[in-house]
Amino acid sequence: MTLRRLLDPIGEDINFLLTNRIPRRWATQFIGWLSKVEQPIVRDMSIGIWRLFSDLNLGEAKKARFSSMHDCFTRELKEGARPIDRDPSILVSPCDAIVGACGRVDGDQVLQVKGLPYRLADLVSDPQFERTYRNGRYVTLRLTASMYHRFHAPYDCTVEQVTAISGDTWNVNPIALKRVERLFCRNERAVIRTRLPSGDLITLVPVAAILVASIRLHFLDLTLGMHYRGARTMPCAVRLDKGQEMGWFEHGSTIIVFAPGCFELQHGIREGTTIRVGQPLFRHP
């Protein structure tokens, strides 16, 4: 049993205090530095403490030894560890995750959790985004600290634009989501707009969180984070195959996937479901 499970009975108040009432930006910068230290004692202690607080399983990792905690956190998996559903009517999950709020966008409102909505315009200040996904579909995918942290193209697509949005580094765990209104609209995030061969627009919104708060985008050779000072909006035309790696998170976080209203959530996708890269997420009728 992990230390995290032993501490569960202490209650949500202490959990929220420990993860959200510390100096978030300072803690994020410090852990970001510490995670990349390659000194063996620091590396082993960091990974050991991480194991105490999570259900970390490295059995699927491509390599057995890591140069740092960061190297372990952003690990690749063995070939074939995440089979990709090749059904052309299926849009697959871009990441390993626990499903949060999901379903139909209610006009321009999306649920963070039950009873706490936020507006599309608050998440992404772009009139086209609001027009495209008004009454559309969405699913919130939460990556826990022990999960595989790379994310992949949900379908054959062309990445047309990436927008970097600066913000805070709140924890995105369920406790914080129930207490902090419009949390996803406050945090560091990227907006990745992709177009399918059918012409439909699918948008991924990776949301960073406390402790590191960086998002690596391989297809642009770019790392977004608190120190990023480049262009806010980056037009591009990058072709990706279904299941091809797009990048990674440098800490557990969230990806919100938006699809037009003609898409349907795959049967069985509901809050609390665990899903893996390549498994069915949406179906195009």
C-alpha atoms as a PDB file:
ATOM      1  CA  MET A   1       0.000   0.000   0.000  1.00  0.00           C
ATOM      2  CA  THR A   2       1.359   3.451  -0.926  1.00  0.00           C
ATOM      3  CA  LEU A   3       1.786   6.273   1.562  1.00  0.00           C
ATOM      4  CA  ARG A   4      -0.751   8.224  -0.467  1.00  0.00           C
ATOM      5  CA  ARG A   5      -3.436   5.621   0.310  1.00  0.00           C
ATOM      6  CA  LEU A   6      -2.512   5.578   3.979  1.00  0.00           C
ATOM      7  CA  LEU A   7      -3.015   9.361   4.106  1.00  0.00           C
ATOM      8  CA  ASP A   8      -6.421   9.292   2.376  1.00  0.00           C
ATOM      9  CA  PRO A   9      -8.400   9.211   5.657  1.00  0.00           C
ATOM     10  CA  ILE A  10      -6.774  12.481   6.777  1.00  0.00           C
ATOM     11  CA  GLY A  11      -9.235  14.233   4.535  1.00  0.00           C
ATOM     12  CA  GLU A  12      -9.577  16.603   1.635  1.00  0.00           C
ATOM     13  CA  ASP A  13      -8.831  19.745   3.646  1.00  0.00           C
ATOM     14  CA  ILE A  14      -5.244  18.737   4.425  1.00  0.00           C
ATOM     15  CA  ASN A  15      -4.697  17.434   0.891  1.00  0.00           C
ATOM     16  CA  PHE A  16      -5.873  20.740  -0.551  1.00  0.00           C
ATOM     17  CA  LEU A  17      -3.723  22.690   1.911  1.00  0.00           C
ATOM     18  CA  LEU A  18      -0.579  20.714   1.114  1.00  0.00           C
ATOM     19  CA  THR A  19      -0.955  20.901  -2.653  1.00  0.00           C
ATOM     20  CA  ASN A  20      -2.428  24.352  -3.217  1.00  0.00           C
ATOM     21  CA  ARG A  21      -1.531  26.649  -0.317  1.00  0.00           C
ATOM     22  CA  ILE A  22       2.222  26.472  -0.825  1.00  0.00           C
ATOM     23  CA  PRO A  23       4.061  29.036  -3.029  1.00  0.00           C
ATOM     24  CA  ARG A  24       3.082  27.293  -6.274  1.00  0.00           C
ATOM     25  CA  ARG A  25       5.422  29.002  -8.718  1.00  0.00           C
ATOM     26  CA  TRP A  26       8.446  28.696  -6.415  1.00  0.00           C
ATOM     27  CA  ALA A  27       7.715  25.029  -5.726  1.00  0.00           C
ATOM     28  CA  THR A  28       7.212  24.396  -9.434  1.00  0.00           C
ATOM     29  CA  GLN A  29      10.543  25.989 -10.371  1.00  0.00           C
ATOM     30  CA  PHE A  30      12.398  24.125  -7.621  1.00  0.00           C
ATOM     31  CA  ILE A  31      10.994  20.701  -8.475  1.00  0.00           C
ATOM     32  CA  GLY A  32      11.596  21.377 -12.155  1.00  0.00           C
ATOM     33  CA  TRP A  33      15.282  21.933 -11.364  1.00  0.00           C
ATOM     34  CA  LEU A  34      15.536  19.046  -8.901  1.00  0.00           C
ATOM     35  CA  SER A  35      13.908  16.547 -11.260  1.00  0.00           C
ATOM     36  CA  LYS A  36      16.687  17.048 -13.826  1.00  0.00           C
ATOM     37  CA  VAL A  37      19.597  16.559 -11.412  1.00  0.00           C
ATOM     38  CA  GLU A  38      21.519  13.497 -12.635  1.00  0.00           C
ATOM     39  CA  GLN A  39      23.545  12.887  -9.468  1.00  0.00           C
ATOM     40  CA  PRO A  40      22.811   9.201  -8.578  1.00  0.00           C
ATOM     41  CA  ILE A  41      21.911   9.769  -4.911  1.00  0.00           C
ATOM     42  CA  VAL A  42      19.541  12.655  -5.739  1.00  0.00           C
ATOM     43  CA  ARG A  43      18.038  10.649  -8.601  1.00  0.00           C
ATOM     44  CA  ASP A  44      17.467   7.528  -6.513  1.00  0.00           C
ATOM     45  CA  MET A  45      16.039   9.437  -3.541  1.00  0.00           C
ATOM     46  CA  SER A  46      13.690  11.431  -5.800  1.00  0.00           C
ATOM     47  CA  ILE A  47      12.343   8.359  -7.564  1.00  0.00           C
ATOM     48  CA  GLY A  48      12.088   6.509  -4.228  1.00  0.00           C
ATOM     49  CA  ILE A  49       9.993   9.284  -2.653  1.00  0.00           C
ATOM     50  CA  TRP A  50       7.855   9.409  -5.797  1.00  0.00           C
ATOM     51  CA  ARG A  51       7.186   5.662  -5.445  1.00  0.00           C
ATOM     52  CA  LEU A  52       6.007   6.177  -1.840  1.00  0.00           C
ATOM     53  CA  PHE A  53       3.283   8.570  -2.953  1.00  0.00           C
ATOM     54  CA  SER A  54       2.111   6.824  -6.131  1.00  0.00           C
ATOM     55  CA  ASP A  55       1.463   3.479  -7.780  1.00  0.00           C
ATOM     56  CA  LEU A  56       4.440   3.873 -10.100  1.00  0.00           C
ATOM     57  CA  ASN A  57       4.892   0.886 -12.409  1.00  0.00           C
ATOM     58  CA  LEU A  58       7.953   0.898 -14.677  1.00  0.00           C
ATOM     59  CA  GLY A  59       7.363  -2.554 -16.145  1.00  0.00           C
ATOM     60  CA  GLU A  60       6.293  -1.084 -19.503  1.00  0.00           C
ATOM     61  CA  ALA A  61       9.198   1.379 -19.729  1.00  0.00           C
ATOM     62  CA  LYS A  62      11.487   1.082 -22.730  1.00  0.00           C
ATOM     63  CA  LYS A  63      14.588   1.223 -20.513  1.00  0.00           C
ATOM     64  CA  ALA A  64      15.272  -0.008 -16.997  1.00  0.00           C
ATOM     65  CA  ARG A  65      17.621   2.739 -15.757  1.00  0.00           C
ATOM     66  CA  PHE A  66      17.081   6.490 -15.835  1.00  0.00           C
ATOM     67  CA  SER A  67      19.490   9.399 -15.616  1.00  0.00           C
ATOM     68  CA  SER A  68      17.135  11.540 -13.475  1.00  0.00           C
ATOM     69  CA  MET A  69      13.618  11.691 -12.090  1.00  0.00           C
ATOM     70  CA  HIS A  70      12.683  13.786 -15.133  1.00  0.00           C
ATOM     71  CA  ASP A  71      14.022  11.062 -17.427  1.00  0.00           C
ATOM     72  CA  CYS A  72      11.873   8.530 -15.566  1.00  0.00           C
ATOM     73  CA  PHE A  73       8.819  10.764 -15.571  1.00  0.00           C
ATOM     74  CA  THR A  74       8.916  11.358 -19.329  1.00  0.00           C
ATOM     75  CA  ARG A  75       9.808   7.726 -20.101  1.00  0.00           C
ATOM     76  CA  GLU A  76       9.028   6.037 -23.389  1.00  0.00           C
ATOM     77  CA  LEU A  77       7.204   2.714 -23.430  1.00  0.00           C
ATOM     78  CA  LYS A  78       8.161  -0.575 -25.027  1.00  0.00           C
ATOM     79  CA  GLU A  79       7.162  -1.073 -28.639  1.00  0.00           C
ATOM     80  CA  GLY A  80       3.544  -2.268 -28.840  1.00  0.00           C
ATOM     81  CA  ALA A  81       2.676  -1.320 -25.233  1.00  0.00           C
ATOM     82  CA  ARG A  82      -0.152   0.928 -26.497  1.00  0.00           C
ATOM     83  CA  PRO A  83      -1.932  -0.628 -29.503  1.00  0.00           C
ATOM     84  CA  ILE A  84      -3.762   1.997 -31.591  1.00  0.00           C
ATOM     85  CA  ASP A  85      -7.364   1.316 -32.694  1.00  0.00           C
ATOM     86  CA  ARG A  86      -7.202   1.611 -36.495  1.00  0.00           C
ATOM     87  CA  ASP A  87     -10.961   1.783 -37.107  1.00  0.00           C
ATOM     88  CA  PRO A  88     -11.323   4.874 -39.368  1.00  0.00           C
ATOM     89  CA  SER A  89     -14.503   5.915 -37.539  1.00  0.00           C
ATOM     90  CA  ILE A  90     -12.701   6.020 -34.169  1.00  0.00           C
ATOM     91  CA  LEU A  91     -10.903   8.973 -32.582  1.00  0.00           C
ATOM     92  CA  VAL A  92      -8.582   7.498 -29.934  1.00  0.00           C
ATOM     93  CA  SER A  93      -7.427   8.741 -26.564  1.00  0.00           C
ATOM     94  CA  PRO A  94      -4.250  10.833 -26.872  1.00  0.00           C
ATOM     95  CA  CYS A  95      -2.996   9.817 -23.422  1.00  0.00           C
ATOM     96  CA  ASP A  96      -3.298   7.468 -20.482  1.00  0.00           C
ATOM     97  CA  ALA A  97      -5.813   9.090 -18.157  1.00  0.00           C
ATOM     98  CA  ILE A  98      -8.750   8.983 -15.816  1.00  0.00           C
ATOM     99  CA  VAL A  99     -11.838  10.466 -17.458  1.00  0.00           C
ATOM    100  CA  GLY A 100     -13.226  13.529 -15.710  1.00  0.00           C
ATOM    101  CA  ALA A 101     -16.235  15.558 -16.807  1.00  0.00           C
ATOM    102  CA  CYS A 102     -17.377  14.710 -20.331  1.00  0.00           C
ATOM    103  CA  GLY A 103     -20.349  14.921 -22.673  1.00  0.00           C
ATOM    104  CA  ARG A 104     -22.022  17.687 -24.630  1.00  0.00           C
ATOM    105  CA  VAL A 105     -21.000  21.329 -24.402  1.00  0.00           C
ATOM    106  CA  ASP A 106     -24.076  23.121 -23.047  1.00  0.00           C
ATOM    107  CA  GLY A 107     -24.204  26.084 -25.401  1.00  0.00           C
ATOM    108  CA  ASP A 108     -20.857  27.658 -24.523  1.00  0.00           C
ATOM    109  CA  GLN A 109     -20.519  26.047 -21.084  1.00  0.00           C
ATOM    110  CA  VAL A 110     -18.338  23.087 -20.085  1.00  0.00           C
ATOM    111  CA  LEU A 111     -18.272  21.346 -16.722  1.00  0.00           C
ATOM    112  CA  GLN A 112     -15.118  21.297 -14.649  1.00  0.00           C
ATOM    113  CA  VAL A 113     -16.942  19.072 -12.175  1.00  0.00           C
ATOM    114  CA  LYS A 114     -20.654  18.843 -11.439  1.00  0.00           C
ATOM    115  CA  GLY A 115     -21.929  22.277 -10.411  1.00  0.00           C
ATOM    116  CA  LEU A 116     -18.815  24.168 -11.544  1.00  0.00           C
ATOM    117  CA  PRO A 117     -19.068  25.223 -15.203  1.00  0.00           C
ATOM    118  CA  TYR A 118     -16.714  27.417 -17.202  1.00  0.00           C
ATOM    119  CA  ARG A 119     -17.150  29.135 -20.556  1.00  0.00           C
ATOM    120  CA  LEU A 120     -15.368  28.189 -23.752  1.00  0.00           C
ATOM    121  CA  ALA A 121     -14.262  31.818 -24.112  1.00  0.00           C
ATOM    122  CA  ASP A 122     -12.651  31.736 -20.658  1.00  0.00           C
ATOM    123  CA  LEU A 123     -10.585  28.699 -21.583  1.00  0.00           C
ATOM    124  CA  VAL A 124      -9.631  29.867 -25.094  1.00  0.00           C
ATOM    125  CA  SER A 125     -10.168  33.473 -26.103  1.00  0.00           C
ATOM    126  CA  ASP A 126     -10.774  32.768 -29.796  1.00  0.00           C
ATOM    127  CA  PRO A 127     -14.141  33.348 -31.532  1.00  0.00           C
ATOM    128  CA  GLN A 128     -13.508  30.448 -33.934  1.00  0.00           C
ATOM    129  CA  PHE A 129     -12.969  28.063 -31.019  1.00  0.00           C
ATOM    130  CA  GLU A 130     -16.282  29.104 -29.447  1.00  0.00           C
ATOM    131  CA  ARG A 131     -18.165  28.814 -32.762  1.00  0.00           C
ATOM    132  CA  THR A 132     -16.683  25.398 -33.575  1.00  0.00           C
ATOM    133  CA  TYR A 133     -17.450  23.743 -30.234  1.00  0.00           C
ATOM    134  CA  ARG A 134     -20.652  25.467 -29.186  1.00  0.00           C
ATOM    135  CA  ASN A 135     -22.997  22.536 -28.411  1.00  0.00           C
ATOM    136  CA  GLY A 136     -20.120  20.231 -29.353  1.00  0.00           C
ATOM    137  CA  ARG A 137     -18.513  17.400 -27.384  1.00  0.00           C
ATOM    138  CA  TYR A 138     -15.718  17.326 -24.857  1.00  0.00           C
ATOM    139  CA  VAL A 139     -13.870  15.010 -22.507  1.00  0.00           C
ATOM    140  CA  THR A 140     -11.450  15.879 -19.712  1.00  0.00           C
ATOM    141  CA  LEU A 141      -8.537  13.447 -19.378  1.00  0.00           C
ATOM    142  CA  ARG A 142      -6.562  13.615 -16.109  1.00  0.00           C
ATOM    143  CA  LEU A 143      -3.053  12.170 -15.991  1.00  0.00           C
ATOM    144  CA  THR A 144      -1.965  11.136 -12.503  1.00  0.00           C
ATOM    145  CA  ALA A 145       1.656  11.427 -11.378  1.00  0.00           C
ATOM    146  CA  SER A 146       2.445   7.718 -11.895  1.00  0.00           C
ATOM    147  CA  MET A 147       0.992   7.458 -15.416  1.00  0.00           C
ATOM    148  CA  TYR A 148       2.755   7.463 -18.779  1.00  0.00           C
ATOM    149  CA  HIS A 149       3.105  11.165 -19.622  1.00  0.00           C
ATOM    150  CA  ARG A 150       3.540  11.296 -23.372  1.00  0.00           C
ATOM    151  CA  PHE A 151       0.558  12.180 -25.533  1.00  0.00           C
ATOM    152  CA  HIS A 152      -0.259  11.202 -29.103  1.00  0.00           C
ATOM    153  CA  ALA A 153      -2.298  12.228 -32.124  1.00  0.00           C
ATOM    154  CA  PRO A 154      -5.902  11.002 -31.716  1.00  0.00           C
ATOM    155  CA  TYR A 155      -6.341  10.592 -35.476  1.00  0.00           C
ATOM    156  CA  ASP A 156      -4.535  11.201 -38.779  1.00  0.00           C
ATOM    157  CA  CYS A 157      -4.453  14.982 -38.703  1.00  0.00           C
ATOM    158  CA  THR A 158      -2.671  18.212 -39.538  1.00  0.00           C
ATOM    159  CA  VAL A 159      -1.732  20.505 -36.677  1.00  0.00           C
ATOM    160  CA  GLU A 160      -2.709  23.952 -37.955  1.00  0.00           C
ATOM    161  CA  GLN A 161      -1.977  26.147 -34.960  1.00  0.00           C
ATOM    162  CA  VAL A 162      -0.638  26.115 -31.415  1.00  0.00           C
ATOM    163  CA  THR A 163      -1.479  28.846 -28.913  1.00  0.00           C
ATOM    164  CA  ALA A 164       0.427  29.243 -25.647  1.00  0.00           C
ATOM    165  CA  ILE A 165      -1.529  30.747 -22.738  1.00  0.00           C
ATOM    166  CA  SER A 166       0.360  31.727 -19.589  1.00  0.00           C
ATOM    167  CA  GLY A 167      -1.193  31.293 -16.175  1.00  0.00           C
ATOM    168  CA  ASP A 168      -0.971  29.813 -12.702  1.00  0.00           C
ATOM    169  CA  THR A 169       0.118  26.336 -11.571  1.00  0.00           C
ATOM    170  CA  TRP A 170      -2.780  25.052  -9.460  1.00  0.00           C
ATOM    171  CA  ASN A 171      -2.929  21.341  -8.781  1.00  0.00           C
ATOM    172  CA  VAL A 172      -5.544  19.767 -11.068  1.00  0.00           C
ATOM    173  CA  ASN A 173      -6.527  16.878  -8.792  1.00  0.00           C
ATOM    174  CA  PRO A 174     -10.241  16.257  -8.020  1.00  0.00           C
ATOM    175  CA  ILE A 175     -10.027  18.040  -4.661  1.00  0.00           C
ATOM    176  CA  ALA A 176      -8.837  21.272  -6.268  1.00  0.00           C
ATOM    177  CA  LEU A 177     -11.334  20.963  -9.130  1.00  0.00           C
ATOM    178  CA  LYS A 178     -14.196  20.931  -6.612  1.00  0.00           C
ATOM    179  CA  ARG A 179     -12.908  24.030  -4.811  1.00  0.00           C
ATOM    180  CA  VAL A 180     -11.285  26.353  -7.353  1.00  0.00           C
ATOM    181  CA  GLU A 181     -13.706  27.817  -9.901  1.00  0.00           C
ATOM    182  CA  ARG A 182     -12.556  27.933 -13.543  1.00  0.00           C
ATOM    183  CA  LEU A 183      -9.309  26.204 -12.599  1.00  0.00           C
ATOM    184  CA  PHE A 184      -8.430  25.099 -16.137  1.00  0.00           C
ATOM    185  CA  CYS A 185      -8.929  28.701 -17.281  1.00  0.00           C
ATOM    186  CA  ARG A 186      -6.357  29.900 -14.728  1.00  0.00           C
ATOM    187  CA  ASN A 187      -3.466  27.512 -15.373  1.00  0.00           C
ATOM    188  CA  GLU A 188      -0.692  27.428 -17.949  1.00  0.00           C
ATOM    189  CA  ARG A 189      -2.029  25.714 -21.060  1.00  0.00           C
ATOM    190  CA  ALA A 190      -1.599  25.169 -24.769  1.00  0.00           C
ATOM    191  CA  VAL A 191      -4.277  25.044 -27.457  1.00  0.00           C
ATOM    192  CA  ILE A 192      -3.450  22.565 -30.239  1.00  0.00           C
ATOM    193  CA  ARG A 193      -5.798  22.895 -33.202  1.00  0.00           C
ATOM    194  CA  THR A 194      -5.830  19.905 -35.552  1.00  0.00           C
ATOM    195  CA  ARG A 195      -7.789  19.239 -38.731  1.00  0.00           C
ATOM    196  CA  LEU A 196      -8.856  15.749 -39.780  1.00  0.00           C
ATOM    197  CA  PRO A 197      -8.957  14.589 -43.439  1.00  0.00           C
ATOM    198  CA  SER A 198     -12.766  15.020 -43.218  1.00  0.00           C
ATOM    199  CA  GLY A 199     -12.253  18.731 -42.489  1.00  0.00           C
ATOM    200  CA  ASP A 200     -13.452  18.461 -38.890  1.00  0.00           C
ATOM    201  CA  LEU A 201     -11.505  20.406 -36.279  1.00  0.00           C
ATOM    202  CA  ILE A 202     -10.350  18.551 -33.153  1.00  0.00           C
ATOM    203  CA  THR A 203      -8.682  20.660 -30.475  1.00  0.00           C
ATOM    204  CA  LEU A 204      -6.506  19.411 -27.628  1.00  0.00           C
ATOM    205  CA  VAL A 205      -5.975  21.710 -24.649  1.00  0.00           C
ATOM    206  CA  PRO A 206      -3.126  20.372 -22.474  1.00  0.00           C
ATOM    207  CA  VAL A 207      -3.299  22.090 -19.057  1.00  0.00           C
ATOM    208  CA  ALA A 208      -0.122  22.192 -16.963  1.00  0.00           C
ATOM    209  CA  ALA A 209      -0.126  21.948 -13.178  1.00  0.00           C
ATOM    210  CA  ILE A 210       1.932  22.471 -10.040  1.00  0.00           C
ATOM    211  CA  LEU A 211       5.503  21.072  -9.991  1.00  0.00           C
ATOM    212  CA  VAL A 212       7.314  21.660 -13.305  1.00  0.00           C
ATOM    213  CA  ALA A 213       4.305  22.950 -15.353  1.00  0.00           C
ATOM    214  CA  SER A 214       5.995  22.417 -18.713  1.00  0.00           C
ATOM    215  CA  ILE A 215       4.605  20.936 -21.919  1.00  0.00           C
ATOM    216  CA  ARG A 216       6.999  19.616 -24.550  1.00  0.00           C
ATOM    217  CA  LEU A 217       5.754  19.684 -28.163  1.00  0.00           C
ATOM    218  CA  HIS A 218       7.960  17.472 -30.338  1.00  0.00           C
ATOM    219  CA  PHE A 219       6.381  18.483 -33.620  1.00  0.00           C
ATOM    220  CA  LEU A 220       7.488  22.100 -33.061  1.00  0.00           C
ATOM    221  CA  ASP A 221      10.703  21.279 -31.143  1.00  0.00           C
ATOM    222  CA  LEU A 222       9.351  23.575 -28.428  1.00  0.00           C
ATOM    223  CA  THR A 223       8.886  23.499 -24.653  1.00  0.00           C
ATOM    224  CA  LEU A 224       6.140  25.689 -23.187  1.00  0.00           C
ATOM    225  CA  GLY A 225       6.270  26.712 -19.540  1.00  0.00           C
ATOM    226  CA  MET A 226       6.591  29.580 -17.099  1.00  0.00           C
ATOM    227  CA  HIS A 227       9.833  30.775 -18.706  1.00  0.00           C
ATOM    228  CA  TYR A 228       8.532  30.666 -22.282  1.00  0.00           C
ATOM    229  CA  ARG A 229       8.781  34.107 -23.901  1.00  0.00           C
ATOM    230  CA  GLY A 230       8.132  33.268 -27.544  1.00  0.00           C
ATOM    231  CA  ALA A 231       5.154  33.808 -29.836  1.00  0.00           C
ATOM    232  CA  ARG A 232       1.736  33.380 -28.281  1.00  0.00           C
ATOM    233  CA  THR A 233       0.187  31.917 -31.449  1.00  0.00           C
ATOM    234  CA  MET A 234       2.192  29.714 -33.795  1.00  0.00           C
ATOM    235  CA  PRO A 235       0.643  28.805 -37.168  1.00  0.00           C
ATOM    236  CA  CYS A 236       1.988  25.535 -38.527  1.00  0.00           C
ATOM    237  CA  ALA A 237       1.198  22.706 -40.916  1.00  0.00           C
ATOM    238  CA  VAL A 238       2.482  19.512 -39.323  1.00  0.00           C
ATOM    239  CA  ARG A 239       1.127  16.184 -40.534  1.00  0.00           C
ATOM    240  CA  LEU A 240       0.733  13.498 -37.854  1.00  0.00           C
ATOM    241  CA  ASP A 241      -0.433   9.911 -38.113  1.00  0.00           C
ATOM    242  CA  LYS A 242      -2.938   8.422 -35.691  1.00  0.00           C
ATOM    243  CA  GLY A 243      -1.050   7.411 -32.566  1.00  0.00           C
ATOM    244  CA  GLN A 244       2.110   9.357 -33.439  1.00  0.00           C
ATOM    245  CA  GLU A 245       3.732  11.006 -30.436  1.00  0.00           C
ATOM    246  CA  MET A 246       2.991  14.730 -30.085  1.00  0.00           C
ATOM    247  CA  GLY A 247       4.898  15.548 -26.893  1.00  0.00           C
ATOM    248  CA  TRP A 248       4.895  15.083 -23.141  1.00  0.00           C
ATOM    249  CA  PHE A 249       3.948  16.633 -19.839  1.00  0.00           C
ATOM    250  CA  GLU A 250       6.669  17.140 -17.270  1.00  0.00           C
ATOM    251  CA  HIS A 251       4.194  16.480 -14.450  1.00  0.00           C
ATOM    252  CA  GLY A 252       0.750  14.922 -14.041  1.00  0.00           C
ATOM    253  CA  SER A 253      -1.881  17.130 -15.582  1.00  0.00           C
ATOM    254  CA  THR A 254      -4.881  17.243 -17.914  1.00  0.00           C
ATOM    255  CA  ILE A 255      -5.822  17.247 -21.580  1.00  0.00           C
ATOM    256  CA  ILE A 256      -9.272  18.490 -22.592  1.00  0.00           C
ATOM    257  CA  VAL A 257     -10.326  17.187 -26.004  1.00  0.00           C
ATOM    258  CA  PHE A 258     -12.983  19.080 -27.986  1.00  0.00           C
ATOM    259  CA  ALA A 259     -14.881  17.687 -30.981  1.00  0.00           C
ATOM    260  CA  PRO A 260     -17.789  18.990 -33.103  1.00  0.00           C
ATOM    261  CA  GLY A 261     -21.333  17.990 -32.168  1.00  0.00           C
ATOM    262  CA  CYS A 262     -21.493  15.276 -34.840  1.00  0.00           C
ATOM    263  CA  PHE A 263     -19.026  13.158 -32.837  1.00  0.00           C
ATOM    264  CA  GLU A 264     -20.253  10.807 -30.096  1.00  0.00           C
ATOM    265  CA  LEU A 265     -18.400   9.677 -26.996  1.00  0.00           C
ATOM    266  CA  GLN A 266     -17.507   6.015 -27.259  1.00  0.00           C
ATOM    267  CA  HIS A 267     -19.838   3.764 -25.293  1.00  0.00           C
ATOM    268  CA  GLY A 268     -18.530   3.267 -21.776  1.00  0.00           C
ATOM    269  CA  ILE A 269     -16.648   6.572 -21.546  1.00  0.00           C
ATOM    270  CA  ARG A 270     -17.839   8.217 -18.329  1.00  0.00           C
ATOM    271  CA  GLU A 271     -16.424  10.014 -15.306  1.00  0.00           C
ATOM    272  CA  GLY A 272     -13.981   7.768 -13.443  1.00  0.00           C
ATOM    273  CA  THR A 273     -13.184   5.524 -16.429  1.00  0.00           C
ATOM    274  CA  THR A 274      -9.500   4.721 -16.905  1.00  0.00           C
ATOM    275  CA  ILE A 275      -8.368   4.914 -20.527  1.00  0.00           C
ATOM    276  CA  ARG A 276      -5.071   4.390 -22.322  1.00  0.00           C
ATOM    277  CA  VAL A 277      -3.402   5.813 -25.397  1.00  0.00           C
ATOM    278  CA  GLY A 278      -4.943   4.353 -28.562  1.00  0.00           C
ATOM    279  CA  GLN A 279      -8.238   3.195 -27.039  1.00  0.00           C
ATOM    280  CA  PRO A 280     -11.526   4.490 -28.509  1.00  0.00           C
ATOM    281  CA  LEU A 281     -12.612   7.912 -27.227  1.00  0.00           C
ATOM    282  CA  PHE A 282     -14.993   9.394 -29.821  1.00  0.00           C
ATOM    283  CA  ARG A 283     -16.820   7.899 -32.776  1.00  0.00           C
ATOM    284  CA  HIS A 284     -17.558   9.830 -35.950  1.00  0.00           C
ATOM    285  CA  PRO A 285     -21.047   8.849 -37.176  1.00  0.00           C
END
